[in-house]
PDB file of N, CA and C in Angstrom:
ATOM      1  N   MET A   1      25.646  -0.048  28.811  1.00  0.00           N
ATOM      2  CA  MET A   1      24.741  -0.740  27.899  1.00  0.00           C
ATOM      3  C   MET A   1      23.308  -0.571  28.407  1.00  0.00           C
ATOM      4  N   PRO A   2      22.450   0.064  27.628  1.00  0.00           N
ATOM      5  CA  PRO A   2      21.080   0.299  28.114  1.00  0.00           C
ATOM      6  C   PRO A   2      20.252  -0.989  28.132  1.00  0.00           C
ATOM      7  N   GLN A   3      19.384  -1.072  29.099  1.00  0.00           N
ATOM      8  CA  GLN A   3      18.506  -2.228  29.242  1.00  0.00           C
ATOM      9  C   GLN A   3      17.200  -1.959  28.501  1.00  0.00           C
ATOM     10  N   MET A   4      16.658  -3.020  27.907  1.00  0.00           N
ATOM     11  CA  MET A   4      15.361  -2.886  27.238  1.00  0.00           C
ATOM     12  C   MET A   4      14.266  -3.348  28.183  1.00  0.00           C
ATOM     13  N   ALA A   5      13.163  -2.673  28.141  1.00  0.00           N
ATOM     14  CA  ALA A   5      12.021  -3.065  28.961  1.00  0.00           C
ATOM     15  C   ALA A   5      11.402  -4.335  28.378  1.00  0.00           C
ATOM     16  N   PRO A   6      10.767  -5.173  29.207  1.00  0.00           N
ATOM     17  CA  PRO A   6      10.162  -6.411  28.688  1.00  0.00           C
ATOM     18  C   PRO A   6       9.072  -6.166  27.652  1.00  0.00           C
ATOM     19  N   ILE A   7       8.377  -5.037  27.744  1.00  0.00           N
ATOM     20  CA  ILE A   7       7.323  -4.761  26.759  1.00  0.00           C
ATOM     21  C   ILE A   7       7.931  -4.573  25.371  1.00  0.00           C
ATOM     22  N   ASN A   8       9.145  -4.031  25.308  1.00  0.00           N
ATOM     23  CA  ASN A   8       9.800  -3.873  24.014  1.00  0.00           C
ATOM     24  C   ASN A   8      10.145  -5.229  23.405  1.00  0.00           C
ATOM     25  N   TRP A   9      10.583  -6.176  24.232  1.00  0.00           N
ATOM     26  CA  TRP A   9      10.884  -7.510  23.720  1.00  0.00           C
ATOM     27  C   TRP A   9       9.619  -8.181  23.203  1.00  0.00           C
ATOM     28  N   LEU A  10       8.521  -7.988  23.902  1.00  0.00           N
ATOM     29  CA  LEU A  10       7.263  -8.584  23.448  1.00  0.00           C
ATOM     30  C   LEU A  10       6.787  -7.953  22.149  1.00  0.00           C
ATOM     31  N   MET A  11       6.961  -6.657  22.019  1.00  0.00           N
ATOM     32  CA  MET A  11       6.567  -5.993  20.774  1.00  0.00           C
ATOM     33  C   MET A  11       7.449  -6.435  19.612  1.00  0.00           C
ATOM     34  N   LEU A  12       8.747  -6.607  19.864  1.00  0.00           N
ATOM     35  CA  LEU A  12       9.633  -7.097  18.812  1.00  0.00           C
ATOM     36  C   LEU A  12       9.267  -8.520  18.408  1.00  0.00           C
ATOM     37  N   LEU A  13       8.955  -9.359  19.382  1.00  0.00           N
ATOM     38  CA  LEU A  13       8.545 -10.729  19.080  1.00  0.00           C
ATOM     39  C   LEU A  13       7.258 -10.732  18.260  1.00  0.00           C
ATOM     40  N   PHE A  14       6.303  -9.919  18.646  1.00  0.00           N
ATOM     41  CA  PHE A  14       5.045  -9.825  17.911  1.00  0.00           C
ATOM     42  C   PHE A  14       5.276  -9.292  16.502  1.00  0.00           C
ATOM     43  N   TYR A  15       6.100  -8.275  16.371  1.00  0.00           N
ATOM     44  CA  TYR A  15       6.375  -7.650  15.074  1.00  0.00           C
ATOM     45  C   TYR A  15       7.034  -8.642  14.118  1.00  0.00           C
ATOM     46  N   PHE A  16       8.084  -9.309  14.562  1.00  0.00           N
ATOM     47  CA  PHE A  16       8.796 -10.233  13.678  1.00  0.00           C
ATOM     48  C   PHE A  16       7.991 -11.495  13.390  1.00  0.00           C
ATOM     49  N   SER A  17       7.189 -11.939  14.345  1.00  0.00           N
ATOM     50  CA  SER A  17       6.352 -13.113  14.062  1.00  0.00           C
ATOM     51  C   SER A  17       5.252 -12.773  13.058  1.00  0.00           C
ATOM     52  N   MET A  18       4.702 -11.566  13.123  1.00  0.00           N
ATOM     53  CA  MET A  18       3.697 -11.170  12.130  1.00  0.00           C
ATOM     54  C   MET A  18       4.320 -11.029  10.745  1.00  0.00           C
ATOM     55  N   ILE A  19       5.527 -10.478  10.672  1.00  0.00           N
ATOM     56  CA  ILE A  19       6.218 -10.394   9.381  1.00  0.00           C
ATOM     57  C   ILE A  19       6.483 -11.792   8.835  1.00  0.00           C
ATOM     58  N   PHE A  20       6.890 -12.703   9.711  1.00  0.00           N
ATOM     59  CA  PHE A  20       7.149 -14.084   9.303  1.00  0.00           C
ATOM     60  C   PHE A  20       5.879 -14.745   8.763  1.00  0.00           C
ATOM     61  N   LEU A  21       4.762 -14.582   9.440  1.00  0.00           N
ATOM     62  CA  LEU A  21       3.506 -15.181   8.992  1.00  0.00           C
ATOM     63  C   LEU A  21       3.019 -14.562   7.683  1.00  0.00           C
ATOM     64  N   ILE A  22       3.135 -13.266   7.547  1.00  0.00           N
ATOM     65  CA  ILE A  22       2.705 -12.605   6.305  1.00  0.00           C
ATOM     66  C   ILE A  22       3.578 -13.039   5.141  1.00  0.00           C
ATOM     67  N   PHE A  23       4.882 -13.109   5.364  1.00  0.00           N
ATOM     68  CA  PHE A  23       5.806 -13.523   4.313  1.00  0.00           C
ATOM     69  C   PHE A  23       5.519 -14.954   3.863  1.00  0.00           C
ATOM     70  N   ASN A  24       5.299 -15.863   4.814  1.00  0.00           N
ATOM     71  CA  ASN A  24       5.021 -17.255   4.454  1.00  0.00           C
ATOM     72  C   ASN A  24       3.672 -17.408   3.769  1.00  0.00           C
ATOM     73  N   SER A  25       2.670 -16.679   4.211  1.00  0.00           N
ATOM     74  CA  SER A  25       1.358 -16.792   3.565  1.00  0.00           C
ATOM     75  C   SER A  25       1.395 -16.220   2.152  1.00  0.00           C
ATOM     76  N   LEU A  26       2.130 -15.141   1.941  1.00  0.00           N
ATOM     77  CA  LEU A  26       2.250 -14.599   0.585  1.00  0.00           C
ATOM     78  C   LEU A  26       2.986 -15.568  -0.330  1.00  0.00           C
ATOM     79  N   ASN A  27       4.007 -16.223   0.177  1.00  0.00           N
ATOM     80  CA  ASN A  27       4.718 -17.200  -0.642  1.00  0.00           C
ATOM     81  C   ASN A  27       3.855 -18.420  -0.932  1.00  0.00           C
ATOM     82  N   TYR A  28       3.047 -18.823   0.034  1.00  0.00           N
ATOM     83  CA  TYR A  28       2.219 -20.010  -0.160  1.00  0.00           C
ATOM     84  C   TYR A  28       1.102 -19.750  -1.169  1.00  0.00           C
ATOM     85  N   TYR A  29       0.436 -18.610  -1.062  1.00  0.00           N
ATOM     86  CA  TYR A  29      -0.710 -18.348  -1.923  1.00  0.00           C
ATOM     87  C   TYR A  29      -0.332 -17.735  -3.265  1.00  0.00           C
ATOM     88  N   SER A  30       0.900 -17.310  -3.445  1.00  0.00           N
ATOM     89  CA  SER A  30       1.301 -16.745  -4.734  1.00  0.00           C
ATOM     90  C   SER A  30       1.788 -17.817  -5.692  1.00  0.00           C
ATOM     91  N   PHE A  31       1.906 -19.067  -5.234  1.00  0.00           N
ATOM     92  CA  PHE A  31       2.366 -20.147  -6.093  1.00  0.00           C
ATOM     93  C   PHE A  31       1.226 -20.587  -7.001  1.00  0.00           C
ATOM     94  N   ASN A  32       1.444 -20.493  -8.332  1.00  0.00           N
ATOM     95  CA  ASN A  32       0.438 -20.897  -9.312  1.00  0.00           C
ATOM     96  C   ASN A  32       0.890 -22.187  -9.981  1.00  0.00           C
ATOM     97  N   TYR A  33       0.085 -23.208  -9.832  1.00  0.00           N
ATOM     98  CA  TYR A  33       0.404 -24.495 -10.435  1.00  0.00           C
ATOM     99  C   TYR A  33      -0.242 -24.562 -11.803  1.00  0.00           C
ATOM    100  N   TYR A  34       0.582 -24.713 -12.841  1.00  0.00           N
ATOM    101  CA  TYR A  34       0.074 -24.812 -14.201  1.00  0.00           C
ATOM    102  C   TYR A  34      -0.267 -26.265 -14.478  1.00  0.00           C
ATOM    103  N   ASN A  35      -1.539 -26.535 -14.654  1.00  0.00           N
ATOM    104  CA  ASN A  35      -2.002 -27.896 -14.875  1.00  0.00           C
ATOM    105  C   ASN A  35      -2.098 -28.143 -16.375  1.00  0.00           C
ATOM    106  N   ASN A  36      -1.279 -29.049 -16.873  1.00  0.00           N
ATOM    107  CA  ASN A  36      -1.269 -29.333 -18.306  1.00  0.00           C
ATOM    108  C   ASN A  36      -2.031 -30.633 -18.566  1.00  0.00           C
ATOM    109  N   ASN A  37      -3.356 -30.536 -18.557  1.00  0.00           N
ATOM    110  CA  ASN A  37      -4.200 -31.700 -18.793  1.00  0.00           C
ATOM    111  C   ASN A  37      -4.152 -32.145 -20.241  1.00  0.00           C
ATOM    112  N   LYS A  38      -3.904 -31.246 -21.160  1.00  0.00           N
ATOM    113  CA  LYS A  38      -3.899 -31.608 -22.570  1.00  0.00           C
ATOM    114  C   LYS A  38      -2.776 -32.587 -22.886  1.00  0.00           C
ATOM    115  N   LEU A  39      -1.613 -32.344 -22.305  1.00  0.00           N
ATOM    116  CA  LEU A  39      -0.502 -33.266 -22.536  1.00  0.00           C
ATOM    117  C   LEU A  39      -0.763 -34.615 -21.876  1.00  0.00           C
ATOM    118  N   PHE A  40      -1.373 -34.569 -20.698  1.00  0.00           N
ATOM    119  CA  PHE A  40      -1.668 -35.808 -19.988  1.00  0.00           C
ATOM    120  C   PHE A  40      -2.701 -36.640 -20.746  1.00  0.00           C
ATOM    121  N   LEU A  41      -3.722 -35.996 -21.288  1.00  0.00           N
ATOM    122  CA  LEU A  41      -4.738 -36.723 -22.047  1.00  0.00           C
ATOM    123  C   LEU A  41      -4.178 -37.235 -23.372  1.00  0.00           C
ATOM    124  N   LYS A  42      -3.288 -36.495 -23.951  1.00  0.00           N
ATOM    125  CA  LYS A  42      -2.713 -36.913 -25.217  1.00  0.00           C
ATOM    126  C   LYS A  42      -1.838 -38.159 -25.037  1.00  0.00           C
ATOM    127  N   LYS A  43      -1.179 -38.271 -23.905  1.00  0.00           N
ATOM    128  CA  LYS A  43      -0.343 -39.441 -23.640  1.00  0.00           C
ATOM    129  C   LYS A  43      -1.203 -40.695 -23.457  1.00  0.00           C
ATOM    130  N   ASN A  44      -2.313 -40.561 -22.760  1.00  0.00           N
ATOM    131  CA  ASN A  44      -3.151 -41.714 -22.466  1.00  0.00           C
ATOM    132  C   ASN A  44      -4.073 -42.092 -23.615  1.00  0.00           C
ATOM    133  N   LYS A  45      -4.124 -41.303 -24.661  1.00  0.00           N
ATOM    134  CA  LYS A  45      -5.056 -41.555 -25.742  1.00  0.00           C
ATOM    135  C   LYS A  45      -4.545 -42.605 -26.726  1.00  0.00           C
ATOM    136  N   ASN A  46      -3.284 -42.955 -26.642  1.00  0.00           N
ATOM    137  CA  ASN A  46      -2.720 -43.942 -27.560  1.00  0.00           C
ATOM    138  C   ASN A  46      -3.336 -45.315 -27.289  1.00  0.00           C
ATOM    139  N   THR A  47      -4.078 -45.818 -28.253  1.00  0.00           N
ATOM    140  CA  THR A  47      -4.681 -47.139 -28.105  1.00  0.00           C
ATOM    141  C   THR A  47      -3.901 -48.133 -28.945  1.00  0.00           C
ATOM    142  N   LEU A  48      -3.884 -49.338 -28.477  1.00  0.00           N
ATOM    143  CA  LEU A  48      -3.156 -50.383 -29.195  1.00  0.00           C
ATOM    144  C   LEU A  48      -4.111 -51.119 -30.130  1.00  0.00           C
ATOM    145  N   ASN A  49      -3.759 -51.171 -31.394  1.00  0.00           N
ATOM    146  CA  ASN A  49      -4.535 -51.922 -32.368  1.00  0.00           C
ATOM    147  C   ASN A  49      -3.808 -53.237 -32.630  1.00  0.00           C
ATOM    148  N   TRP A  50      -4.371 -54.285 -32.062  1.00  0.00           N
ATOM    149  CA  TRP A  50      -3.733 -55.587 -32.215  1.00  0.00           C
ATOM    150  C   TRP A  50      -4.082 -56.170 -33.585  1.00  0.00           C
ATOM    151  N   LYS A  51      -3.056 -56.610 -34.276  1.00  0.00           N
ATOM    152  CA  LYS A  51      -3.256 -57.263 -35.572  1.00  0.00           C
ATOM    153  C   LYS A  51      -2.682 -58.671 -35.460  1.00  0.00           C
ATOM    154  N   TRP A  52      -3.569 -59.639 -35.377  1.00  0.00           N
ATOM    155  CA  TRP A  52      -3.118 -61.019 -35.201  1.00  0.00           C
ATOM    156  C   TRP A  52      -2.846 -61.645 -36.543  1.00  0.00           C
TER     157      TRP A  52
END
């Protein structure tokens, strides 16, 4: 069984951690939140007309 040099382990750690960070940042910044203000304003616009 061949032995790996410590520099190879460090390069693998660096490589996979960079892939992990890039993958997470792409997932975080690719999320688009659709803000539906029109529906929210339409719900709150109902006023009560009191008839005594």
